[in-house]
Amino acid sequence: MSLDLQVLINGLQHFISINVKPKLQTVETFIKAYYLPETEYVHWARTHPEYSKNQMVGLINLVATMKGWKRKTRLEVLEKIEGAGL
């Protein structure tokens, strides 16, 4: 996915005179979060306040589904993230 984003950035630079890479850094960070180990999501959520609670929950639900997490694991991670006040 990061390669797709890089291709998009390079393509946009042909049409837009501003540098879009800094503006898409948030997108790239979110994409990279998908590949984190299961144990890192709570820490990642705490260190990235630029994402809303809904975005965090969406990411966790996606990762849990795609990586085959047990329901209990997904709920525990979501509870820890919500418990952190995010």
N, C-alpha and C. Protein backbone atom coordinates (compact mmCIF):
# COMPACT_ATOMS: atom_id res chain seq x y z
N MET A 1 0.80 -1.19 0.00
CA MET A 1 0.00 0.00 0.00
C MET A 1 0.85 1.26 0.00
N SER A 2 1.95 1.22 0.69
CA SER A 2 2.83 2.39 0.72
C SER A 2 3.37 2.70 -0.67
N LEU A 3 3.64 1.66 -1.44
CA LEU A 3 4.11 1.86 -2.81
C LEU A 3 3.01 2.52 -3.64
N ASP A 4 1.77 2.09 -3.45
CA ASP A 4 0.65 2.73 -4.16
C ASP A 4 0.55 4.21 -3.81
N LEU A 5 0.75 4.52 -2.53
CA LEU A 5 0.69 5.92 -2.10
C LEU A 5 1.83 6.71 -2.74
N GLN A 6 3.01 6.12 -2.82
CA GLN A 6 4.15 6.79 -3.43
C GLN A 6 3.88 7.06 -4.91
N VAL A 7 3.28 6.11 -5.59
CA VAL A 7 2.92 6.30 -7.00
C VAL A 7 1.90 7.43 -7.13
N LEU A 8 0.93 7.47 -6.23
CA LEU A 8 -0.06 8.56 -6.23
C LEU A 8 0.61 9.91 -6.03
N ILE A 9 1.51 9.99 -5.06
CA ILE A 9 2.22 11.24 -4.79
C ILE A 9 2.99 11.70 -6.02
N ASN A 10 3.73 10.77 -6.63
CA ASN A 10 4.50 11.11 -7.83
C ASN A 10 3.59 11.56 -8.96
N GLY A 11 2.45 10.91 -9.11
CA GLY A 11 1.52 11.29 -10.16
C GLY A 11 0.90 12.66 -9.91
N LEU A 12 0.57 12.94 -8.67
CA LEU A 12 -0.03 14.23 -8.33
C LEU A 12 0.94 15.38 -8.57
N GLN A 13 2.21 15.13 -8.41
CA GLN A 13 3.20 16.19 -8.58
C GLN A 13 3.26 16.68 -10.02
N HIS A 14 2.76 15.89 -10.95
CA HIS A 14 2.70 16.32 -12.35
C HIS A 14 1.55 17.30 -12.59
N PHE A 15 0.54 17.27 -11.71
CA PHE A 15 -0.65 18.08 -11.90
C PHE A 15 -0.76 19.25 -10.92
N ILE A 16 -0.09 19.13 -9.78
CA ILE A 16 -0.21 20.12 -8.72
C ILE A 16 1.16 20.74 -8.47
N SER A 17 1.17 22.07 -8.33
CA SER A 17 2.45 22.75 -8.16
C SER A 17 2.99 22.68 -6.73
N ILE A 18 2.15 22.32 -5.76
CA ILE A 18 2.62 22.24 -4.37
C ILE A 18 3.13 20.83 -4.07
N ASN A 19 3.94 20.72 -3.04
CA ASN A 19 4.45 19.43 -2.61
C ASN A 19 3.38 18.74 -1.77
N VAL A 20 2.82 17.66 -2.27
CA VAL A 20 1.74 16.97 -1.57
C VAL A 20 2.23 15.95 -0.54
N LYS A 21 3.50 15.62 -0.58
CA LYS A 21 4.02 14.59 0.31
C LYS A 21 3.79 14.91 1.79
N PRO A 22 4.07 16.13 2.27
CA PRO A 22 3.82 16.39 3.69
C PRO A 22 2.34 16.24 4.06
N LYS A 23 1.46 16.57 3.16
CA LYS A 23 0.03 16.47 3.44
C LYS A 23 -0.44 15.03 3.48
N LEU A 24 0.24 14.14 2.80
CA LEU A 24 -0.14 12.74 2.77
C LEU A 24 0.63 11.89 3.78
N GLN A 25 1.45 12.53 4.60
CA GLN A 25 2.21 11.82 5.63
C GLN A 25 1.26 11.11 6.60
N THR A 26 0.15 11.76 6.93
CA THR A 26 -0.82 11.17 7.83
C THR A 26 -1.39 9.89 7.24
N VAL A 27 -1.64 9.90 5.95
CA VAL A 27 -2.15 8.71 5.26
C VAL A 27 -1.11 7.59 5.30
N GLU A 28 0.11 7.93 5.03
CA GLU A 28 1.18 6.93 5.02
C GLU A 28 1.35 6.30 6.41
N THR A 29 1.31 7.11 7.44
CA THR A 29 1.44 6.61 8.81
C THR A 29 0.31 5.64 9.14
N PHE A 30 -0.90 5.99 8.71
CA PHE A 30 -2.06 5.13 8.96
C PHE A 30 -1.92 3.80 8.23
N ILE A 31 -1.44 3.85 7.00
CA ILE A 31 -1.24 2.61 6.22
C ILE A 31 -0.20 1.73 6.90
N LYS A 32 0.88 2.32 7.35
CA LYS A 32 1.94 1.54 8.01
C LYS A 32 1.45 0.91 9.30
N ALA A 33 0.48 1.55 9.96
CA ALA A 33 -0.06 1.00 11.20
C ALA A 33 -0.70 -0.36 10.98
N TYR A 34 -1.23 -0.58 9.81
CA TYR A 34 -1.86 -1.86 9.50
C TYR A 34 -0.89 -3.03 9.71
N TYR A 35 0.39 -2.80 9.47
CA TYR A 35 1.38 -3.86 9.51
C TYR A 35 2.05 -4.04 10.88
N LEU A 36 1.60 -3.32 11.87
CA LEU A 36 2.18 -3.44 13.21
C LEU A 36 1.86 -4.79 13.83
N PRO A 37 2.70 -5.24 14.76
CA PRO A 37 2.36 -6.45 15.51
C PRO A 37 1.15 -6.16 16.42
N GLU A 38 0.43 -7.19 16.73
CA GLU A 38 -0.78 -7.08 17.55
C GLU A 38 -0.55 -6.32 18.86
N THR A 39 0.61 -6.49 19.44
CA THR A 39 0.89 -5.90 20.75
C THR A 39 1.19 -4.39 20.68
N GLU A 40 1.33 -3.83 19.50
CA GLU A 40 1.75 -2.44 19.36
C GLU A 40 0.61 -1.44 19.15
N TYR A 41 -0.61 -1.90 18.93
CA TYR A 41 -1.69 -0.98 18.56
C TYR A 41 -2.08 0.00 19.66
N VAL A 42 -2.08 -0.43 20.90
CA VAL A 42 -2.43 0.48 21.99
C VAL A 42 -1.39 1.59 22.08
N HIS A 43 -0.13 1.22 22.04
CA HIS A 43 0.94 2.23 22.08
C HIS A 43 0.84 3.16 20.87
N TRP A 44 0.60 2.61 19.70
CA TRP A 44 0.48 3.42 18.49
C TRP A 44 -0.66 4.42 18.63
N ALA A 45 -1.78 3.97 19.16
CA ALA A 45 -2.94 4.85 19.33
C ALA A 45 -2.61 6.00 20.28
N ARG A 46 -1.87 5.70 21.32
CA ARG A 46 -1.50 6.74 22.30
C ARG A 46 -0.53 7.75 21.71
N THR A 47 0.31 7.33 20.81
CA THR A 47 1.33 8.22 20.26
C THR A 47 0.90 8.92 18.98
N HIS A 48 -0.32 8.68 18.54
CA HIS A 48 -0.82 9.33 17.31
C HIS A 48 -2.18 9.97 17.54
N PRO A 49 -2.19 11.06 18.29
CA PRO A 49 -3.47 11.74 18.59
C PRO A 49 -4.10 12.42 17.38
N GLU A 50 -3.40 12.47 16.27
CA GLU A 50 -3.95 13.10 15.07
C GLU A 50 -5.09 12.30 14.45
N TYR A 51 -5.28 11.07 14.90
CA TYR A 51 -6.36 10.23 14.40
C TYR A 51 -7.51 10.22 15.39
N SER A 52 -8.72 10.26 14.86
CA SER A 52 -9.91 10.27 15.73
C SER A 52 -10.15 8.88 16.31
N LYS A 53 -11.01 8.84 17.31
CA LYS A 53 -11.37 7.57 17.92
C LYS A 53 -12.01 6.65 16.88
N ASN A 54 -12.85 7.21 16.02
CA ASN A 54 -13.49 6.40 14.98
C ASN A 54 -12.46 5.82 14.01
N GLN A 55 -11.43 6.58 13.69
CA GLN A 55 -10.38 6.07 12.82
C GLN A 55 -9.61 4.93 13.49
N MET A 56 -9.34 5.09 14.78
CA MET A 56 -8.62 4.05 15.53
C MET A 56 -9.46 2.76 15.58
N VAL A 57 -10.73 2.91 15.90
CA VAL A 57 -11.61 1.75 15.99
C VAL A 57 -11.72 1.07 14.63
N GLY A 58 -11.84 1.85 13.57
CA GLY A 58 -11.90 1.29 12.23
C GLY A 58 -10.64 0.52 11.88
N LEU A 59 -9.50 1.07 12.23
CA LEU A 59 -8.23 0.39 11.97
C LEU A 59 -8.16 -0.93 12.72
N ILE A 60 -8.50 -0.91 13.99
CA ILE A 60 -8.44 -2.13 14.80
C ILE A 60 -9.41 -3.18 14.26
N ASN A 61 -10.61 -2.77 13.91
CA ASN A 61 -11.59 -3.73 13.36
C ASN A 61 -11.11 -4.32 12.04
N LEU A 62 -10.52 -3.50 11.19
CA LEU A 62 -9.98 -3.99 9.92
C LEU A 62 -8.84 -4.98 10.16
N VAL A 63 -7.90 -4.59 10.99
CA VAL A 63 -6.74 -5.46 11.26
C VAL A 63 -7.21 -6.77 11.88
N ALA A 64 -8.12 -6.68 12.83
CA ALA A 64 -8.61 -7.89 13.51
C ALA A 64 -9.27 -8.85 12.51
N THR A 65 -10.03 -8.29 11.60
CA THR A 65 -10.69 -9.13 10.59
C THR A 65 -9.68 -9.73 9.62
N MET A 66 -8.82 -8.90 9.09
CA MET A 66 -7.89 -9.36 8.07
C MET A 66 -6.82 -10.31 8.61
N LYS A 67 -6.44 -10.13 9.85
CA LYS A 67 -5.38 -10.97 10.42
C LYS A 67 -5.93 -12.11 11.27
N GLY A 68 -7.26 -12.23 11.33
CA GLY A 68 -7.87 -13.36 12.04
C GLY A 68 -7.72 -13.33 13.55
N TRP A 69 -7.77 -12.12 14.13
CA TRP A 69 -7.70 -12.04 15.59
C TRP A 69 -8.94 -12.69 16.18
N LYS A 70 -8.80 -13.21 17.38
CA LYS A 70 -9.95 -13.70 18.12
C LYS A 70 -10.76 -12.49 18.59
N ARG A 71 -12.04 -12.69 18.72
CA ARG A 71 -12.94 -11.60 19.14
C ARG A 71 -12.47 -10.99 20.47
N LYS A 72 -12.06 -11.86 21.39
CA LYS A 72 -11.60 -11.40 22.70
C LYS A 72 -10.40 -10.47 22.57
N THR A 73 -9.48 -10.82 21.71
CA THR A 73 -8.28 -9.99 21.50
C THR A 73 -8.67 -8.61 20.96
N ARG A 74 -9.55 -8.60 19.95
CA ARG A 74 -10.00 -7.33 19.36
C ARG A 74 -10.67 -6.46 20.41
N LEU A 75 -11.55 -7.05 21.20
CA LEU A 75 -12.25 -6.28 22.22
C LEU A 75 -11.30 -5.76 23.30
N GLU A 76 -10.31 -6.55 23.66
CA GLU A 76 -9.33 -6.11 24.66
C GLU A 76 -8.52 -4.92 24.15
N VAL A 77 -8.09 -4.98 22.90
CA VAL A 77 -7.32 -3.87 22.33
C VAL A 77 -8.19 -2.61 22.27
N LEU A 78 -9.43 -2.75 21.81
CA LEU A 78 -10.33 -1.59 21.74
C LEU A 78 -10.59 -1.02 23.12
N GLU A 79 -10.76 -1.89 24.11
CA GLU A 79 -11.00 -1.44 25.49
C GLU A 79 -9.80 -0.66 26.03
N LYS A 80 -8.61 -1.15 25.75
CA LYS A 80 -7.40 -0.46 26.22
C LYS A 80 -7.26 0.90 25.55
N ILE A 81 -7.59 0.97 24.27
CA ILE A 81 -7.49 2.24 23.55
C ILE A 81 -8.52 3.22 24.09
N GLU A 82 -9.74 2.75 24.29
CA GLU A 82 -10.78 3.62 24.83
C GLU A 82 -10.49 4.01 26.27
N GLY A 83 -9.90 3.08 27.01
CA GLY A 83 -9.53 3.36 28.40
C GLY A 83 -8.44 4.41 28.52
N ALA A 84 -7.67 4.57 27.46
CA ALA A 84 -6.61 5.57 27.45
C ALA A 84 -7.16 6.96 27.13
N GLY A 85 -8.47 7.03 26.90
CA GLY A 85 -9.09 8.32 26.63
C GLY A 85 -8.90 8.81 25.21
N LEU A 86 -8.73 7.90 24.28
CA LEU A 86 -8.50 8.29 22.88
C LEU A 86 -9.79 8.30 22.10
